[in-house]
Each structure stands twice: as C-alpha cells, then as structure tokens.
Amino acid sequence: MPDEIKHVAVHPFPDNERAYTLFLSIQNQWIYAGMGTPVALNYQVAYLWMDAESIPKCEQNDLLGELRLIESGAISAIREKQEQETRR
C-alpha cells in the first residue's frame, strides 16, 4: 500500500450529491481537539452554506444527518492516517 494517498475521482450516487457537495464546501471547517485531531465539522458553517444555497429549512436537518455520515468516515480516515504516521 503506498504511503501517499492518491487522488481518486469520486462520483456519489445522485441521492448523495448534495451532502457530498456540502462536505466538499466546508471540508476545511474542522473543530480540533488536542494534538491536532479533528473531532467534528463546524455545523454553523454548514447551516450558513445551506442557507446560501437556498436549501429549504425543512430539509436542512436531514442533509446535516447525511453530512454527519461523511464526517464520521473522514474522521476515521484522518485518525487512521495519524496513527500510521506515529508508528513510523
């Protein structure tokens, strides 16, 4: 397995397109705990983005739930990479 992560084209299912776009738009808005470990995305920024994109309020909580699934996977991948780096 290569040490560097290669860029791979990702094509989400149409039902996941909005959550994926939201994640890409706020992916640099992490809240960090000690030692530089991300613990969550800043949901205030997520709601600002949804408002700016005119996503109806009645759909925003569902979209945030989808974002949380992506966030969870991203945090797991980041932590795994950090653990691999500390083992070297």
Protein backbone atom coordinates (compact mmCIF):
# COMPACT_ATOMS: atom_id res chain seq x y z
CA MET A 1 0.00 0.00 0.00
CA PRO A 2 1.51 3.36 -0.99
CA ASP A 3 2.40 5.87 1.71
CA GLU A 4 0.72 8.73 -0.13
CA ILE A 5 -2.98 8.91 -0.76
CA LYS A 6 -3.68 9.27 -4.45
CA HIS A 7 -6.43 11.47 -5.78
CA VAL A 8 -9.32 9.40 -7.00
CA ALA A 9 -12.34 10.67 -8.87
CA VAL A 10 -15.45 10.18 -6.76
CA HIS A 11 -18.91 10.09 -8.22
CA PRO A 12 -21.55 9.93 -5.48
CA PHE A 13 -24.96 8.48 -6.10
CA PRO A 14 -27.45 11.18 -7.13
CA ASP A 15 -29.24 10.92 -3.75
CA ASN A 16 -25.96 11.78 -2.01
CA GLU A 17 -24.85 14.58 -4.31
CA ARG A 18 -25.99 17.47 -2.09
CA ALA A 19 -24.38 16.06 1.08
CA TYR A 20 -21.16 15.39 -0.82
CA THR A 21 -21.14 18.92 -2.23
CA LEU A 22 -21.80 20.31 1.24
CA PHE A 23 -18.88 18.30 2.64
CA LEU A 24 -16.54 19.49 -0.10
CA SER A 25 -17.62 23.08 0.51
CA ILE A 26 -16.89 23.03 4.23
CA GLN A 27 -14.18 20.37 4.44
CA ASN A 28 -11.70 22.87 5.87
CA GLN A 29 -14.02 23.87 8.74
CA TRP A 30 -12.92 21.29 11.32
CA ILE A 31 -13.09 21.70 15.07
CA TYR A 32 -9.92 20.27 16.61
CA ALA A 33 -9.14 18.65 19.95
CA GLY A 34 -5.68 18.42 21.45
CA MET A 35 -2.79 17.18 19.31
CA GLY A 36 -4.42 18.36 16.09
CA THR A 37 -7.12 15.70 15.93
CA PRO A 38 -10.36 16.77 14.23
CA VAL A 39 -13.46 15.92 16.24
CA ALA A 40 -16.25 17.48 14.17
CA LEU A 41 -17.12 19.85 11.39
CA ASN A 42 -18.40 23.29 12.31
CA TYR A 43 -22.14 22.84 11.82
CA GLN A 44 -22.75 26.58 11.99
CA VAL A 45 -20.83 26.87 8.74
CA ALA A 46 -22.86 24.00 7.29
CA TYR A 47 -26.11 25.83 8.06
CA LEU A 48 -24.75 29.06 6.58
CA TRP A 49 -23.85 27.17 3.40
CA MET A 50 -27.30 25.58 3.23
CA ASP A 51 -28.95 28.97 3.67
CA ALA A 52 -26.73 30.47 0.95
CA GLU A 53 -27.69 27.61 -1.36
CA SER A 54 -31.39 28.23 -0.62
CA ILE A 55 -31.94 24.75 0.77
CA PRO A 56 -35.33 24.78 2.49
CA LYS A 57 -35.17 24.79 6.29
CA CYS A 58 -37.34 21.66 6.40
CA GLU A 59 -34.61 19.73 4.51
CA GLN A 60 -31.57 21.06 6.34
CA ASN A 61 -31.58 18.66 9.31
CA ASP A 62 -31.81 15.63 7.01
CA LEU A 63 -28.92 16.98 4.95
CA LEU A 64 -26.92 17.58 8.13
CA GLY A 65 -27.53 13.93 9.07
CA GLU A 66 -26.08 12.84 5.75
CA LEU A 67 -23.13 15.18 6.28
CA ARG A 68 -22.50 13.56 9.67
CA LEU A 69 -22.12 10.16 8.00
CA ILE A 70 -19.49 11.57 5.63
CA GLU A 71 -17.84 13.40 8.53
CA SER A 72 -17.60 10.19 10.55
CA GLY A 73 -15.86 8.39 7.70
CA ALA A 74 -13.50 11.30 7.16
CA ILE A 75 -12.58 11.47 10.85
CA SER A 76 -11.90 7.73 10.89
CA ALA A 77 -9.64 8.03 7.84
CA ILE A 78 -7.78 11.03 9.29
CA ARG A 79 -7.22 9.27 12.61
CA GLU A 80 -6.04 6.11 10.88
CA LYS A 81 -3.52 8.12 8.88
CA GLN A 82 -2.33 9.90 12.04
CA GLU A 83 -1.87 6.54 13.81
CA GLN A 84 0.13 5.18 10.87
CA GLU A 85 2.37 8.22 10.93
CA THR A 86 3.04 7.91 14.67
CA ARG A 87 4.05 4.24 14.23
CA ARG A 88 6.86 5.16 11.86
